[in-house]
């Protein structure tokens, strides 16, 4: 199995490149581009669908025959909800940076007759989940109740310093609906301030997979299976952008039984 942590390859250009082939799985792809003003990144979706997420900065976007103009308004992923753009299969797209721009390219197998559409901040209500030191703040970008994609599920989460997230530990690695769905998942992590760090554990019940990773600014973690809780160290807020996809566009997770009591505590 490939290493579950992917470090950024630099500070400019395409700094992260996760494909089904190099991840050793079937569905999820994730690229991160860091552009300077007036630089352009473009692509063809082919048999996949794409969700572009403006992690920070502004850029002019085109997809297919549509010109979406300038998208993006926040200069930090910790400053409000994002702009995003959904692009269906068999489409060309391009984004030209107007400021320094961090652009995430989230992808999964395409299908259906979906159309390109902008997803501005406020499209879905902001959520707060958990209690006490398990509180975290959620910006849904492409949730399962938004039936505008074939397989992509995309969400952002901010976990305050000293808090846990994706916790109590849960998993979604069995195609066993209605009890559990099979979804591969990537986490793109950022820290505020950026010199901070956090932790993520990915493990299965039988411990055939059991890895603990130090999270630093810009790291991507892969979750092919198993439970995958995160912890943000005191003083450093943890942002992550999740991309999920599987055979069915349903997020149905299973809590680790020995920790489920925490939901009632």
Protein backbone atom coordinates (compact mmCIF):
# COMPACT_ATOMS: atom_id res chain seq x y z
CA UNK A 1 0.00 0.00 0.00
CA UNK A 2 1.37 3.50 -0.84
CA UNK A 3 2.47 5.87 1.91
CA UNK A 4 -0.66 7.43 3.39
CA UNK A 5 0.92 10.91 3.72
CA UNK A 6 1.73 13.03 0.66
CA UNK A 7 3.98 16.05 1.25
CA UNK A 8 3.77 19.09 -1.06
CA UNK A 9 6.49 19.00 -3.70
CA UNK A 10 7.22 22.73 -3.55
CA UNK A 11 5.70 26.17 -3.10
CA UNK A 12 4.62 26.93 -6.67
CA UNK A 13 2.79 25.16 -9.49
CA UNK A 14 1.20 21.77 -9.02
CA UNK A 15 2.47 20.87 -5.59
CA UNK A 16 0.28 17.81 -4.92
CA UNK A 17 -0.80 15.11 -7.37
CA UNK A 18 -2.90 12.18 -6.15
CA UNK A 19 -4.43 9.85 -8.73
CA UNK A 20 -6.21 6.51 -8.38
CA UNK A 21 -3.09 4.94 -9.88
CA UNK A 22 -0.50 6.39 -7.51
CA UNK A 23 -2.83 6.07 -4.50
CA UNK A 24 -3.47 2.41 -5.26
CA UNK A 25 -7.23 2.78 -5.29
CA UNK A 26 -10.15 3.32 -7.68
CA UNK A 27 -12.06 6.59 -7.32
CA UNK A 28 -10.55 9.74 -5.78
CA UNK A 29 -8.08 12.17 -7.35
CA UNK A 30 -6.70 15.36 -5.80
CA UNK A 31 -4.34 18.05 -7.11
CA UNK A 32 -3.26 21.28 -5.46
CA UNK A 33 -2.06 24.21 -7.60
CA UNK A 34 -0.37 27.30 -6.18
CA UNK A 35 -0.45 30.08 -8.77
CA UNK A 36 0.90 33.61 -8.96
CA UNK A 37 -1.16 36.46 -10.47
CA UNK A 38 -1.83 36.04 -14.23
CA UNK A 39 -0.79 32.37 -14.27
CA UNK A 40 -3.27 29.89 -15.75
CA UNK A 41 -3.99 26.24 -15.01
CA UNK A 42 -6.24 24.19 -17.29
CA UNK A 43 -7.43 20.65 -17.80
CA UNK A 44 -9.78 18.20 -19.50
CA UNK A 45 -12.08 16.12 -17.33
CA UNK A 46 -12.33 13.17 -19.74
CA UNK A 47 -14.30 10.38 -18.08
CA UNK A 48 -14.08 12.06 -14.67
CA UNK A 49 -15.94 14.92 -13.00
CA UNK A 50 -14.15 17.73 -11.16
CA UNK A 51 -14.82 20.14 -8.33
CA UNK A 52 -12.47 23.12 -8.23
CA UNK A 53 -12.16 24.70 -4.78
CA UNK A 54 -10.69 28.18 -4.29
CA UNK A 55 -8.80 27.43 -1.06
CA UNK A 56 -7.46 30.98 -1.04
CA UNK A 57 -7.25 33.80 -3.55
CA UNK A 58 -9.15 34.88 -6.65
CA UNK A 59 -9.18 33.65 -10.24
CA UNK A 60 -11.19 33.86 -13.47
CA UNK A 61 -12.76 30.55 -14.47
CA UNK A 62 -14.09 28.99 -17.66
CA UNK A 63 -15.63 25.54 -18.05
CA UNK A 64 -17.00 24.14 -21.28
CA UNK A 65 -18.68 27.03 -23.11
CA UNK A 66 -19.36 29.01 -19.91
CA UNK A 67 -17.37 31.94 -18.57
CA UNK A 68 -17.85 32.13 -14.81
CA UNK A 69 -15.83 35.31 -14.34
CA UNK A 70 -13.93 35.95 -11.12
CA UNK A 71 -14.44 33.45 -8.31
CA UNK A 72 -12.94 33.49 -4.84
CA UNK A 73 -12.91 36.15 -2.14
CA UNK A 74 -11.16 34.77 0.95
CA UNK A 75 -7.39 35.07 1.26
CA UNK A 76 -7.11 32.25 3.79
CA UNK A 77 -8.97 28.94 4.20
CA UNK A 78 -9.64 30.03 7.79
CA UNK A 79 -11.60 33.10 6.65
CA UNK A 80 -15.12 32.08 5.69
CA UNK A 81 -16.65 29.65 3.22
CA UNK A 82 -15.09 28.92 -0.20
CA UNK A 83 -16.03 29.46 -3.80
CA UNK A 84 -16.11 26.26 -5.86
CA UNK A 85 -16.96 25.16 -9.39
CA UNK A 86 -18.37 21.81 -10.49
CA UNK A 87 -17.33 20.56 -13.96
CA UNK A 88 -18.87 17.41 -15.52
CA UNK A 89 -17.12 14.76 -17.59
CA UNK A 90 -15.94 15.50 -21.15
CA UNK A 91 -15.34 19.19 -20.40
CA UNK A 92 -12.40 21.59 -20.72
CA UNK A 93 -11.70 24.11 -17.96
CA UNK A 94 -9.24 26.86 -17.11
CA UNK A 95 -8.56 29.23 -14.21
CA UNK A 96 -6.37 32.36 -14.43
CA UNK A 97 -5.16 33.71 -11.10
CA UNK A 98 -5.88 37.35 -10.26
CA UNK A 99 -4.09 37.14 -6.92
CA UNK A 100 -1.91 34.47 -5.38
CA UNK A 101 -4.21 31.48 -5.68
CA UNK A 102 -4.45 28.05 -4.09
CA UNK A 103 -6.73 25.95 -6.26
CA UNK A 104 -7.75 22.40 -5.35
CA UNK A 105 -8.78 20.03 -8.14
CA UNK A 106 -10.99 17.28 -6.70
CA UNK A 107 -11.97 14.48 -9.08
CA UNK A 108 -13.84 11.19 -9.31
CA UNK A 109 -15.50 9.07 -12.01
CA UNK A 110 -18.12 11.01 -13.97
CA UNK A 111 -21.47 10.06 -15.42
CA UNK A 112 -24.96 11.35 -16.08
CA UNK A 113 -25.90 14.62 -17.76
CA UNK A 114 -24.76 17.15 -15.18
CA UNK A 115 -23.83 20.73 -16.09
CA UNK A 116 -21.02 23.00 -14.96
CA UNK A 117 -22.09 25.28 -12.12
CA UNK A 118 -20.58 27.70 -9.64
CA UNK A 119 -20.96 26.90 -5.94
CA UNK A 120 -20.70 30.24 -4.10
CA UNK A 121 -20.37 30.64 -0.32
CA UNK A 122 -23.70 30.14 1.40
CA UNK A 123 -24.97 27.56 -1.10
CA UNK A 124 -25.17 25.15 1.84
CA UNK A 125 -25.59 26.21 5.48
CA UNK A 126 -22.52 26.25 7.70
CA UNK A 127 -22.65 23.60 10.42
CA UNK A 128 -21.09 23.10 13.83
CA UNK A 129 -20.68 19.52 15.00
CA UNK A 130 -19.67 17.96 18.31
CA UNK A 131 -19.48 19.13 21.91
CA UNK A 132 -16.72 20.47 24.10
CA UNK A 133 -13.29 19.74 22.67
CA UNK A 134 -14.91 17.76 19.86
CA UNK A 135 -16.48 20.89 18.31
CA UNK A 136 -15.57 21.54 14.67
CA UNK A 137 -16.98 23.80 11.96
CA UNK A 138 -18.17 22.45 8.61
CA UNK A 139 -18.59 24.06 5.17
CA UNK A 140 -20.34 21.63 2.84
CA UNK A 141 -19.37 22.17 -0.80
CA UNK A 142 -20.87 19.11 -2.52
CA UNK A 143 -22.87 17.13 0.07
CA UNK A 144 -24.86 14.02 -0.74
CA UNK A 145 -28.20 15.87 -0.52
CA UNK A 146 -27.10 18.11 -3.43
CA UNK A 147 -27.90 15.87 -6.39
CA UNK A 148 -25.70 17.72 -8.89
CA UNK A 149 -22.85 15.24 -9.33
CA UNK A 150 -22.31 11.60 -10.18
CA UNK A 151 -19.85 10.52 -7.47
CA UNK A 152 -18.02 13.46 -5.85
CA UNK A 153 -18.54 14.44 -2.21
CA UNK A 154 -16.57 17.53 -1.08
CA UNK A 155 -16.49 19.27 2.31
CA UNK A 156 -14.27 21.58 4.38
CA UNK A 157 -13.80 21.35 8.14
CA UNK A 158 -12.03 23.65 10.61
CA UNK A 159 -11.02 22.07 13.92
CA UNK A 160 -10.02 24.59 16.64
CA UNK A 161 -6.69 24.11 18.39
CA UNK A 162 -6.86 21.47 21.11
CA UNK A 163 -9.92 19.81 19.55
CA UNK A 164 -10.49 16.49 17.80
CA UNK A 165 -12.27 15.85 14.50
CA UNK A 166 -13.54 12.90 12.49
CA UNK A 167 -14.13 11.70 16.04
CA UNK A 168 -15.36 9.49 17.64
CA UNK A 169 -13.48 7.37 15.11
CA UNK A 170 -15.63 6.31 12.18
CA UNK A 171 -15.10 4.44 8.94
CA UNK A 172 -16.80 3.99 5.57
CA UNK A 173 -15.04 1.07 3.90
CA UNK A 174 -17.85 -1.48 3.41
CA UNK A 175 -20.38 -1.47 0.58
CA UNK A 176 -23.13 -2.51 3.01
CA UNK A 177 -25.98 -0.06 2.64
CA UNK A 178 -28.01 1.04 4.49
CA UNK A 179 -25.52 0.37 7.29
CA UNK A 180 -22.30 1.67 5.71
CA UNK A 181 -21.04 2.94 2.35
CA UNK A 182 -17.66 2.43 0.70
CA UNK A 183 -15.86 5.72 0.16
CA UNK A 184 -12.20 6.49 -0.45
CA UNK A 185 -11.12 9.80 1.06
CA UNK A 186 -8.36 12.40 0.93
CA UNK A 187 -7.63 15.09 3.52
CA UNK A 188 -5.82 18.29 2.49
CA UNK A 189 -4.52 19.85 5.71
CA UNK A 190 -3.64 23.45 6.59
CA UNK A 191 -2.57 24.90 9.95
CA UNK A 192 -3.11 28.36 11.43
CA UNK A 193 -0.51 29.62 12.27
CA UNK A 194 1.24 27.57 9.57
CA UNK A 195 4.17 26.37 11.71
CA UNK A 196 1.76 24.24 13.79
CA UNK A 197 1.09 20.54 13.60
CA UNK A 198 -1.58 17.98 14.35
CA UNK A 199 -2.06 14.23 14.17
CA UNK A 200 -4.15 11.73 12.25
CA UNK A 201 -4.48 8.00 12.82
CA UNK A 202 -5.73 5.60 10.12
CA UNK A 203 -6.45 2.10 11.40
CA UNK A 204 -8.63 -0.98 10.96
CA UNK A 205 -10.25 -3.18 13.57
CA UNK A 206 -7.72 -5.95 13.02
CA UNK A 207 -4.81 -3.43 12.97
CA UNK A 208 -3.61 -4.75 9.61
CA UNK A 209 -3.54 -1.02 8.84
CA UNK A 210 -2.48 1.21 11.74
CA UNK A 211 -0.60 4.42 10.94
CA UNK A 212 -0.23 7.64 12.93
CA UNK A 213 0.86 10.69 10.94
CA UNK A 214 2.11 14.11 11.96
CA UNK A 215 0.13 16.72 10.01
CA UNK A 216 1.97 19.80 8.79
CA UNK A 217 0.79 22.67 6.63
CA UNK A 218 0.00 21.45 3.10
CA UNK A 219 0.07 17.71 3.80
CA UNK A 220 -2.44 15.38 2.15
CA UNK A 221 -3.45 12.14 3.86
CA UNK A 222 -5.06 9.14 2.15
CA UNK A 223 -7.80 7.06 3.76
CA UNK A 224 -8.27 3.89 1.70
CA UNK A 225 -10.08 2.16 4.57
CA UNK A 226 -10.44 2.17 8.32
CA UNK A 227 -11.05 4.74 11.03
CA UNK A 228 -9.34 8.12 10.59
CA UNK A 229 -9.60 10.58 13.53
CA UNK A 230 -7.63 13.86 13.65
CA UNK A 231 -6.34 16.02 16.51
CA UNK A 232 -5.31 19.68 16.38
CA UNK A 233 -2.61 20.68 18.85
CA UNK A 234 -3.23 23.55 21.28
CA UNK A 235 -2.75 26.96 19.69
CA UNK A 236 -3.08 25.79 16.08
CA UNK A 237 -6.37 25.53 14.22
CA UNK A 238 -6.56 22.68 11.69
CA UNK A 239 -8.31 23.07 8.33
CA UNK A 240 -8.94 20.15 6.02
CA UNK A 241 -10.59 19.73 2.65
CA UNK A 242 -12.13 16.27 2.22
CA UNK A 243 -12.77 14.55 -1.10
CA UNK A 244 -14.77 11.31 -1.02
CA UNK A 245 -16.03 8.98 -3.74
CA UNK A 246 -17.04 5.36 -4.14
CA UNK A 247 -19.45 3.11 -6.02
CA UNK A 248 -22.47 5.04 -4.65
CA UNK A 249 -22.69 8.74 -3.81
CA UNK A 250 -23.81 8.12 -0.22
CA UNK A 251 -21.96 9.00 3.00
CA UNK A 252 -22.98 6.39 5.55
CA UNK A 253 -20.36 5.78 8.23
CA UNK A 254 -19.86 3.29 11.04
CA UNK A 255 -18.63 4.44 14.45
CA UNK A 256 -16.00 2.44 16.33
CA UNK A 257 -18.19 0.64 18.90
CA UNK A 258 -15.74 1.04 21.80
CA UNK A 259 -15.78 4.84 21.37
CA UNK A 260 -19.42 5.39 20.47
CA UNK A 261 -20.26 6.16 24.13
CA UNK A 262 -18.62 9.57 23.58
CA UNK A 263 -21.63 10.65 21.53
CA UNK A 264 -23.79 10.36 24.64
CA UNK A 265 -21.29 11.73 27.16
